Amino acid sequence: MNVEKIQKINKLAKTLKDTGMAKTMDEAVKMAEKMIAKGEEALQEEIEKEESFEEEEKKEPFILKKPEKKSEEVQEEISDVEEEE
């Protein structure tokens, strides 16, 4: 385990202990380790989702198509329908 990770765990563990979420420092450290691991897993999942999205976009890019009708034409059709009712 690297120094940065140990420092993160210790800082979080101290906060958990100080706020009463953990009764003992040992319990706080275990909780902190689990919380940090879950956070890292979630971050990795998001990175993988983003990479997957980028790969899909390369295969089939999203292309905006020009509308078939102009907004004035659509508005005229709406008016016609309203008049018929």
PDB file of N, CA and C in Angstrom:
ATOM      1  N   MET A   1       0.856  -1.175   0.000  1.00  0.00           N
ATOM      2  CA  MET A   1       0.000   0.000   0.000  1.00  0.00           C
ATOM      3  C   MET A   1       0.900   1.237   0.000  1.00  0.00           C
ATOM      4  N   ASN A   2       0.556   2.205  -0.853  1.00  0.00           N
ATOM      5  CA  ASN A   2       1.407   3.394  -0.934  1.00  0.00           C
ATOM      6  C   ASN A   2       1.087   4.402   0.181  1.00  0.00           C
ATOM      7  N   VAL A   3       1.980   5.335   0.342  1.00  0.00           N
ATOM      8  CA  VAL A   3       1.884   6.308   1.442  1.00  0.00           C
ATOM      9  C   VAL A   3       0.618   7.158   1.317  1.00  0.00           C
ATOM     10  N   GLU A   4       0.308   7.589   0.096  1.00  0.00           N
ATOM     11  CA  GLU A   4      -0.883   8.423  -0.090  1.00  0.00           C
ATOM     12  C   GLU A   4      -2.153   7.699   0.348  1.00  0.00           C
ATOM     13  N   LYS A   5      -2.260   6.436  -0.003  1.00  0.00           N
ATOM     14  CA  LYS A   5      -3.455   5.668   0.348  1.00  0.00           C
ATOM     15  C   LYS A   5      -3.553   5.497   1.864  1.00  0.00           C
ATOM     16  N   ILE A   6      -2.442   5.239   2.505  1.00  0.00           N
ATOM     17  CA  ILE A   6      -2.427   5.100   3.971  1.00  0.00           C
ATOM     18  C   ILE A   6      -2.857   6.410   4.623  1.00  0.00           C
ATOM     19  N   GLN A   7      -2.377   7.518   4.086  1.00  0.00           N
ATOM     20  CA  GLN A   7      -2.754   8.823   4.635  1.00  0.00           C
ATOM     21  C   GLN A   7      -4.255   9.075   4.464  1.00  0.00           C
ATOM     22  N   LYS A   8      -4.800   8.713   3.293  1.00  0.00           N
ATOM     23  CA  LYS A   8      -6.237   8.864   3.055  1.00  0.00           C
ATOM     24  C   LYS A   8      -7.034   8.041   4.063  1.00  0.00           C
ATOM     25  N   ILE A   9      -6.621   6.797   4.236  1.00  0.00           N
ATOM     26  CA  ILE A   9      -7.317   5.895   5.164  1.00  0.00           C
ATOM     27  C   ILE A   9      -7.260   6.447   6.576  1.00  0.00           C
ATOM     28  N   ASN A  10      -6.087   6.881   7.004  1.00  0.00           N
ATOM     29  CA  ASN A  10      -5.935   7.406   8.365  1.00  0.00           C
ATOM     30  C   ASN A  10      -6.767   8.672   8.585  1.00  0.00           C
ATOM     31  N   LYS A  11      -6.780   9.547   7.591  1.00  0.00           N
ATOM     32  CA  LYS A  11      -7.554  10.786   7.716  1.00  0.00           C
ATOM     33  C   LYS A  11      -9.047  10.479   7.813  1.00  0.00           C
ATOM     34  N   LEU A  12      -9.529   9.600   6.927  1.00  0.00           N
ATOM     35  CA  LEU A  12     -10.939   9.224   6.959  1.00  0.00           C
ATOM     36  C   LEU A  12     -11.270   8.483   8.252  1.00  0.00           C
ATOM     37  N   ALA A  13     -10.389   7.594   8.675  1.00  0.00           N
ATOM     38  CA  ALA A  13     -10.609   6.837   9.911  1.00  0.00           C
ATOM     39  C   ALA A  13     -10.718   7.776  11.111  1.00  0.00           C
ATOM     40  N   LYS A  14      -9.862   8.769  11.161  1.00  0.00           N
ATOM     41  CA  LYS A  14      -9.915   9.740  12.257  1.00  0.00           C
ATOM     42  C   LYS A  14     -11.247  10.478  12.250  1.00  0.00           C
ATOM     43  N   THR A  15     -11.707  10.875  11.079  1.00  0.00           N
ATOM     44  CA  THR A  15     -12.990  11.564  10.964  1.00  0.00           C
ATOM     45  C   THR A  15     -14.135  10.655  11.412  1.00  0.00           C
ATOM     46  N   LEU A  16     -14.102   9.398  10.977  1.00  0.00           N
ATOM     47  CA  LEU A  16     -15.138   8.440  11.373  1.00  0.00           C
ATOM     48  C   LEU A  16     -15.156   8.251  12.889  1.00  0.00           C
ATOM     49  N   LYS A  17     -13.992   8.182  13.490  1.00  0.00           N
ATOM     50  CA  LYS A  17     -13.877   8.001  14.952  1.00  0.00           C
ATOM     51  C   LYS A  17     -14.349   9.261  15.666  1.00  0.00           C
ATOM     52  N   ASP A  18     -13.886  10.426  15.191  1.00  0.00           N
ATOM     53  CA  ASP A  18     -14.232  11.696  15.840  1.00  0.00           C
ATOM     54  C   ASP A  18     -15.727  12.012  15.773  1.00  0.00           C
ATOM     55  N   THR A  19     -16.370  11.588  14.697  1.00  0.00           N
ATOM     56  CA  THR A  19     -17.806  11.869  14.548  1.00  0.00           C
ATOM     57  C   THR A  19     -18.674  10.804  15.208  1.00  0.00           C
ATOM     58  N   GLY A  20     -18.043   9.757  15.743  1.00  0.00           N
ATOM     59  CA  GLY A  20     -18.791   8.717  16.433  1.00  0.00           C
ATOM     60  C   GLY A  20     -19.346   7.638  15.519  1.00  0.00           C
ATOM     61  N   MET A  21     -18.985   7.674  14.257  1.00  0.00           N
ATOM     62  CA  MET A  21     -19.466   6.646  13.334  1.00  0.00           C
ATOM     63  C   MET A  21     -18.771   5.315  13.582  1.00  0.00           C
ATOM     64  N   ALA A  22     -17.606   5.377  14.185  1.00  0.00           N
ATOM     65  CA  ALA A  22     -16.879   4.167  14.565  1.00  0.00           C
ATOM     66  C   ALA A  22     -16.528   4.290  16.043  1.00  0.00           C
ATOM     67  N   LYS A  23     -16.648   3.181  16.774  1.00  0.00           N
ATOM     68  CA  LYS A  23     -16.373   3.209  18.212  1.00  0.00           C
ATOM     69  C   LYS A  23     -14.879   3.178  18.512  1.00  0.00           C
ATOM     70  N   THR A  24     -14.157   2.389  17.731  1.00  0.00           N
ATOM     71  CA  THR A  24     -12.716   2.264  17.961  1.00  0.00           C
ATOM     72  C   THR A  24     -11.961   2.687  16.703  1.00  0.00           C
ATOM     73  N   MET A  25     -10.682   2.978  16.880  1.00  0.00           N
ATOM     74  CA  MET A  25      -9.863   3.357  15.735  1.00  0.00           C
ATOM     75  C   MET A  25      -9.697   2.169  14.788  1.00  0.00           C
ATOM     76  N   ASP A  26      -9.633   0.968  15.342  1.00  0.00           N
ATOM     77  CA  ASP A  26      -9.502  -0.228  14.511  1.00  0.00           C
ATOM     78  C   ASP A  26     -10.733  -0.371  13.599  1.00  0.00           C
ATOM     79  N   GLU A  27     -11.904  -0.182  14.198  1.00  0.00           N
ATOM     80  CA  GLU A  27     -13.149  -0.237  13.425  1.00  0.00           C
ATOM     81  C   GLU A  27     -13.173   0.874  12.370  1.00  0.00           C
ATOM     82  N   ALA A  28     -12.707   2.053  12.747  1.00  0.00           N
ATOM     83  CA  ALA A  28     -12.679   3.193  11.836  1.00  0.00           C
ATOM     84  C   ALA A  28     -11.778   2.926  10.640  1.00  0.00           C
ATOM     85  N   VAL A  29     -10.640   2.307  10.886  1.00  0.00           N
ATOM     86  CA  VAL A  29      -9.704   1.996   9.798  1.00  0.00           C
ATOM     87  C   VAL A  29     -10.335   0.998   8.830  1.00  0.00           C
ATOM     88  N   LYS A  30     -10.988  -0.026   9.369  1.00  0.00           N
ATOM     89  CA  LYS A  30     -11.646  -1.016   8.504  1.00  0.00           C
ATOM     90  C   LYS A  30     -12.735  -0.358   7.656  1.00  0.00           C
ATOM     91  N   MET A  31     -13.523   0.511   8.290  1.00  0.00           N
ATOM     92  CA  MET A  31     -14.573   1.212   7.556  1.00  0.00           C
ATOM     93  C   MET A  31     -13.968   2.103   6.465  1.00  0.00           C
ATOM     94  N   ALA A  32     -12.923   2.810   6.817  1.00  0.00           N
ATOM     95  CA  ALA A  32     -12.272   3.718   5.861  1.00  0.00           C
ATOM     96  C   ALA A  32     -11.712   2.944   4.670  1.00  0.00           C
ATOM     97  N   GLU A  33     -11.093   1.798   4.947  1.00  0.00           N
ATOM     98  CA  GLU A  33     -10.545   0.980   3.864  1.00  0.00           C
ATOM     99  C   GLU A  33     -11.652   0.548   2.896  1.00  0.00           C
ATOM    100  N   LYS A  34     -12.779   0.118   3.454  1.00  0.00           N
ATOM    101  CA  LYS A  34     -13.900  -0.312   2.606  1.00  0.00           C
ATOM    102  C   LYS A  34     -14.461   0.856   1.796  1.00  0.00           C
ATOM    103  N   MET A  35     -14.608   1.998   2.442  1.00  0.00           N
ATOM    104  CA  MET A  35     -15.162   3.168   1.764  1.00  0.00           C
ATOM    105  C   MET A  35     -14.264   3.626   0.618  1.00  0.00           C
ATOM    106  N   ILE A  36     -12.979   3.661   0.872  1.00  0.00           N
ATOM    107  CA  ILE A  36     -12.040   4.103  -0.155  1.00  0.00           C
ATOM    108  C   ILE A  36     -11.991   3.093  -1.296  1.00  0.00           C
ATOM    109  N   ALA A  37     -12.021   1.807  -0.962  1.00  0.00           N
ATOM    110  CA  ALA A  37     -12.019   0.778  -2.007  1.00  0.00           C
ATOM    111  C   ALA A  37     -13.260   0.902  -2.888  1.00  0.00           C
ATOM    112  N   LYS A  38     -14.424   1.126  -2.267  1.00  0.00           N
ATOM    113  CA  LYS A  38     -15.663   1.281  -3.042  1.00  0.00           C
ATOM    114  C   LYS A  38     -15.581   2.516  -3.931  1.00  0.00           C
ATOM    115  N   GLY A  39     -15.016   3.587  -3.411  1.00  0.00           N
ATOM    116  CA  GLY A  39     -14.865   4.808  -4.193  1.00  0.00           C
ATOM    117  C   GLY A  39     -13.964   4.588  -5.398  1.00  0.00           C
ATOM    118  N   GLU A  40     -12.875   3.854  -5.195  1.00  0.00           N
ATOM    119  CA  GLU A  40     -11.962   3.558  -6.295  1.00  0.00           C
ATOM    120  C   GLU A  40     -12.624   2.660  -7.327  1.00  0.00           C
ATOM    121  N   GLU A  41     -13.420   1.697  -6.874  1.00  0.00           N
ATOM    122  CA  GLU A  41     -14.144   0.814  -7.797  1.00  0.00           C
ATOM    123  C   GLU A  41     -15.133   1.617  -8.632  1.00  0.00           C
ATOM    124  N   ALA A  42     -15.873   2.505  -7.980  1.00  0.00           N
ATOM    125  CA  ALA A  42     -16.853   3.326  -8.686  1.00  0.00           C
ATOM    126  C   ALA A  42     -16.168   4.220  -9.713  1.00  0.00           C
ATOM    127  N   LEU A  43     -15.035   4.782  -9.340  1.00  0.00           N
ATOM    128  CA  LEU A  43     -14.279   5.630 -10.248  1.00  0.00           C
ATOM    129  C   LEU A  43     -13.807   4.825 -11.460  1.00  0.00           C
ATOM    130  N   GLN A  44     -13.300   3.624 -11.213  1.00  0.00           N
ATOM    131  CA  GLN A  44     -12.842   2.763 -12.301  1.00  0.00           C
ATOM    132  C   GLN A  44     -13.992   2.389 -13.228  1.00  0.00           C
ATOM    133  N   GLU A  45     -15.174   2.114 -12.663  1.00  0.00           N
ATOM    134  CA  GLU A  45     -16.344   1.802 -13.481  1.00  0.00           C
ATOM    135  C   GLU A  45     -16.716   2.970 -14.381  1.00  0.00           C
ATOM    136  N   GLU A  46     -16.661   4.181 -13.844  1.00  0.00           N
ATOM    137  CA  GLU A  46     -16.982   5.366 -14.635  1.00  0.00           C
ATOM    138  C   GLU A  46     -15.973   5.564 -15.756  1.00  0.00           C
ATOM    139  N   ILE A  47     -14.709   5.325 -15.468  1.00  0.00           N
ATOM    140  CA  ILE A  47     -13.667   5.435 -16.495  1.00  0.00           C
ATOM    141  C   ILE A  47     -13.922   4.422 -17.604  1.00  0.00           C
ATOM    142  N   GLU A  48     -14.265   3.196 -17.229  1.00  0.00           N
ATOM    143  CA  GLU A  48     -14.545   2.156 -18.218  1.00  0.00           C
ATOM    144  C   GLU A  48     -15.770   2.491 -19.055  1.00  0.00           C
ATOM    145  N   LYS A  49     -16.813   3.047 -18.421  1.00  0.00           N
ATOM    146  CA  LYS A  49     -18.004   3.454 -19.162  1.00  0.00           C
ATOM    147  C   LYS A  49     -17.657   4.528 -20.187  1.00  0.00           C
ATOM    148  N   GLU A  50     -16.862   5.502 -19.763  1.00  0.00           N
ATOM    149  CA  GLU A  50     -16.464   6.599 -20.653  1.00  0.00           C
ATOM    150  C   GLU A  50     -15.650   6.064 -21.820  1.00  0.00           C
ATOM    151  N   GLU A  51     -14.717   5.159 -21.548  1.00  0.00           N
ATOM    152  CA  GLU A  51     -13.906   4.573 -22.615  1.00  0.00           C
ATOM    153  C   GLU A  51     -14.778   3.786 -23.580  1.00  0.00           C
ATOM    154  N   SER A  52     -15.737   3.047 -23.053  1.00  0.00           N
ATOM    155  CA  SER A  52     -16.648   2.268 -23.881  1.00  0.00           C
ATOM    156  C   SER A  52     -17.485   3.190 -24.763  1.00  0.00           C
ATOM    157  N   PHE A  53     -17.970   4.280 -24.181  1.00  0.00           N
ATOM    158  CA  PHE A  53     -18.761   5.247 -24.928  1.00  0.00           C
ATOM    159  C   PHE A  53     -17.937   5.851 -26.059  1.00  0.00           C
ATOM    160  N   GLU A  54     -16.678   6.205 -25.759  1.00  0.00           N
ATOM    161  CA  GLU A  54     -15.804   6.783 -26.774  1.00  0.00           C
ATOM    162  C   GLU A  54     -15.545   5.797 -27.904  1.00  0.00           C
ATOM    163  N   GLU A  55     -15.374   4.522 -27.575  1.00  0.00           N
ATOM    164  CA  GLU A  55     -15.157   3.498 -28.596  1.00  0.00           C
ATOM    165  C   GLU A  55     -16.389   3.353 -29.484  1.00  0.00           C
ATOM    166  N   GLU A  56     -17.574   3.330 -28.872  1.00  0.00           N
ATOM    167  CA  GLU A  56     -18.817   3.226 -29.636  1.00  0.00           C
ATOM    168  C   GLU A  56     -19.000   4.437 -30.539  1.00  0.00           C
ATOM    169  N   GLU A  57     -18.635   5.596 -30.020  1.00  0.00           N
ATOM    170  CA  GLU A  57     -18.782   6.822 -30.796  1.00  0.00           C
ATOM    171  C   GLU A  57     -17.863   6.801 -32.017  1.00  0.00           C
ATOM    172  N   LYS A  58     -16.679   6.202 -31.876  1.00  0.00           N
ATOM    173  CA  LYS A  58     -15.760   6.092 -33.010  1.00  0.00           C
ATOM    174  C   LYS A  58     -16.351   5.177 -34.078  1.00  0.00           C
ATOM    175  N   LYS A  59     -17.020   4.111 -33.642  1.00  0.00           N
ATOM    176  CA  LYS A  59     -17.614   3.164 -34.580  1.00  0.00           C
ATOM    177  C   LYS A  59     -18.817   3.768 -35.292  1.00  0.00           C
ATOM    178  N   GLU A  60     -19.666   4.431 -34.528  1.00  0.00           N
ATOM    179  CA  GLU A  60     -20.909   4.968 -35.061  1.00  0.00           C
ATOM    180  C   GLU A  60     -21.148   6.352 -34.473  1.00  0.00           C
ATOM    181  N   PRO A  61     -20.553   7.381 -35.077  1.00  0.00           N
ATOM    182  CA  PRO A  61     -20.693   8.725 -34.511  1.00  0.00           C
ATOM    183  C   PRO A  61     -22.125   9.233 -34.594  1.00  0.00           C
ATOM    184  N   PHE A  62     -22.479  10.033 -33.629  1.00  0.00           N
ATOM    185  CA  PHE A  62     -23.811  10.634 -33.583  1.00  0.00           C
ATOM    186  C   PHE A  62     -23.820  11.811 -34.547  1.00  0.00           C
ATOM    187  N   ILE A  63     -24.715  11.768 -35.497  1.00  0.00           N
ATOM    188  CA  ILE A  63     -24.773  12.820 -36.503  1.00  0.00           C
ATOM    189  C   ILE A  63     -26.146  13.481 -36.418  1.00  0.00           C
ATOM    190  N   LEU A  64     -26.116  14.780 -36.298  1.00  0.00           N
ATOM    191  CA  LEU A  64     -27.371  15.517 -36.290  1.00  0.00           C
ATOM    192  C   LEU A  64     -27.870  15.643 -37.720  1.00  0.00           C
ATOM    193  N   LYS A  65     -29.125  15.320 -37.923  1.00  0.00           N
ATOM    194  CA  LYS A  65     -29.706  15.432 -39.250  1.00  0.00           C
ATOM    195  C   LYS A  65     -30.528  16.702 -39.328  1.00  0.00           C
ATOM    196  N   LYS A  66     -30.546  17.252 -40.489  1.00  0.00           N
ATOM    197  CA  LYS A  66     -31.325  18.447 -40.722  1.00  0.00           C
ATOM    198  C   LYS A  66     -32.806  18.067 -40.690  1.00  0.00           C
ATOM    199  N   PRO A  67     -33.630  18.842 -40.018  1.00  0.00           N
ATOM    200  CA  PRO A  67     -35.053  18.511 -39.964  1.00  0.00           C
ATOM    201  C   PRO A  67     -35.656  18.495 -41.367  1.00  0.00           C
ATOM    202  N   GLU A  68     -36.602  17.583 -41.558  1.00  0.00           N
ATOM    203  CA  GLU A  68     -37.240  17.476 -42.864  1.00  0.00           C
ATOM    204  C   GLU A  68     -38.135  18.688 -43.143  1.00  0.00           C
ATOM    205  N   LYS A  69     -38.760  19.188 -42.115  1.00  0.00           N
ATOM    206  CA  LYS A  69     -39.651  20.333 -42.279  1.00  0.00           C
ATOM    207  C   LYS A  69     -39.099  21.517 -41.504  1.00  0.00           C
ATOM    208  N   LYS A  70     -39.386  22.672 -42.034  1.00  0.00           N
ATOM    209  CA  LYS A  70     -38.996  23.897 -41.343  1.00  0.00           C
ATOM    210  C   LYS A  70     -40.033  24.192 -40.265  1.00  0.00           C
ATOM    211  N   SER A  71     -39.643  24.934 -39.281  1.00  0.00           N
ATOM    212  CA  SER A  71     -40.547  25.203 -38.162  1.00  0.00           C
ATOM    213  C   SER A  71     -41.820  25.920 -38.599  1.00  0.00           C
ATOM    214  N   GLU A  72     -41.723  26.769 -39.653  1.00  0.00           N
ATOM    215  CA  GLU A  72     -42.923  27.458 -40.128  1.00  0.00           C
ATOM    216  C   GLU A  72     -43.932  26.451 -40.677  1.00  0.00           C
ATOM    217  N   GLU A  73     -43.422  25.444 -41.416  1.00  0.00           N
ATOM    218  CA  GLU A  73     -44.312  24.431 -41.981  1.00  0.00           C
ATOM    219  C   GLU A  73     -45.000  23.637 -40.871  1.00  0.00           C
ATOM    220  N   VAL A  74     -44.263  23.308 -39.846  1.00  0.00           N
ATOM    221  CA  VAL A  74     -44.828  22.567 -38.722  1.00  0.00           C
ATOM    222  C   VAL A  74     -45.889  23.417 -38.033  1.00  0.00           C
ATOM    223  N   GLN A  75     -45.597  24.680 -37.848  1.00  0.00           N
ATOM    224  CA  GLN A  75     -46.551  25.577 -37.195  1.00  0.00           C
ATOM    225  C   GLN A  75     -47.837  25.704 -38.011  1.00  0.00           C
ATOM    226  N   GLU A  76     -47.694  25.766 -39.341  1.00  0.00           N
ATOM    227  CA  GLU A  76     -48.874  25.832 -40.208  1.00  0.00           C
ATOM    228  C   GLU A  76     -49.725  24.571 -40.059  1.00  0.00           C
ATOM    229  N   GLU A  77     -49.077  23.415 -39.997  1.00  0.00           N
ATOM    230  CA  GLU A  77     -49.810  22.160 -39.829  1.00  0.00           C
ATOM    231  C   GLU A  77     -50.552  22.125 -38.498  1.00  0.00           C
ATOM    232  N   ILE A  78     -49.921  22.625 -37.461  1.00  0.00           N
ATOM    233  CA  ILE A  78     -50.570  22.671 -36.147  1.00  0.00           C
ATOM    234  C   ILE A  78     -51.794  23.581 -36.213  1.00  0.00           C
ATOM    235  N   SER A  79     -51.649  24.719 -36.868  1.00  0.00           N
ATOM    236  CA  SER A  79     -52.768  25.662 -37.000  1.00  0.00           C
ATOM    237  C   SER A  79     -53.910  25.034 -37.775  1.00  0.00           C
ATOM    238  N   ASP A  80     -53.582  24.310 -38.853  1.00  0.00           N
ATOM    239  CA  ASP A  80     -54.604  23.642 -39.654  1.00  0.00           C
ATOM    240  C   ASP A  80     -55.393  22.637 -38.822  1.00  0.00           C
ATOM    241  N   VAL A  81     -54.695  21.868 -38.025  1.00  0.00           N
ATOM    242  CA  VAL A  81     -55.331  20.852 -37.181  1.00  0.00           C
ATOM    243  C   VAL A  81     -56.226  21.519 -36.144  1.00  0.00           C
ATOM    244  N   GLU A  82     -55.734  22.593 -35.557  1.00  0.00           N
ATOM    245  CA  GLU A  82     -56.522  23.308 -34.555  1.00  0.00           C
ATOM    246  C   GLU A  82     -57.797  23.889 -35.151  1.00  0.00           C
ATOM    247  N   GLU A  83     -57.711  24.379 -36.404  1.00  0.00           N
ATOM    248  CA  GLU A  83     -58.872  24.961 -37.068  1.00  0.00           C
ATOM    249  C   GLU A  83     -59.920  23.889 -37.354  1.00  0.00           C
ATOM    250  N   GLU A  84     -59.461  22.682 -37.678  1.00  0.00           N
ATOM    251  CA  GLU A  84     -60.375  21.587 -37.986  1.00  0.00           C
ATOM    252  C   GLU A  84     -61.165  21.155 -36.755  1.00  0.00           C
ATOM    253  N   GLU A  85     -60.599  21.309 -35.593  1.00  0.00           N
ATOM    254  CA  GLU A  85     -61.251  20.878 -34.355  1.00  0.00           C
ATOM    255  C   GLU A  85     -62.261  21.876 -33.979  1.00  0.00           C
TER     256      GLU A  85
END
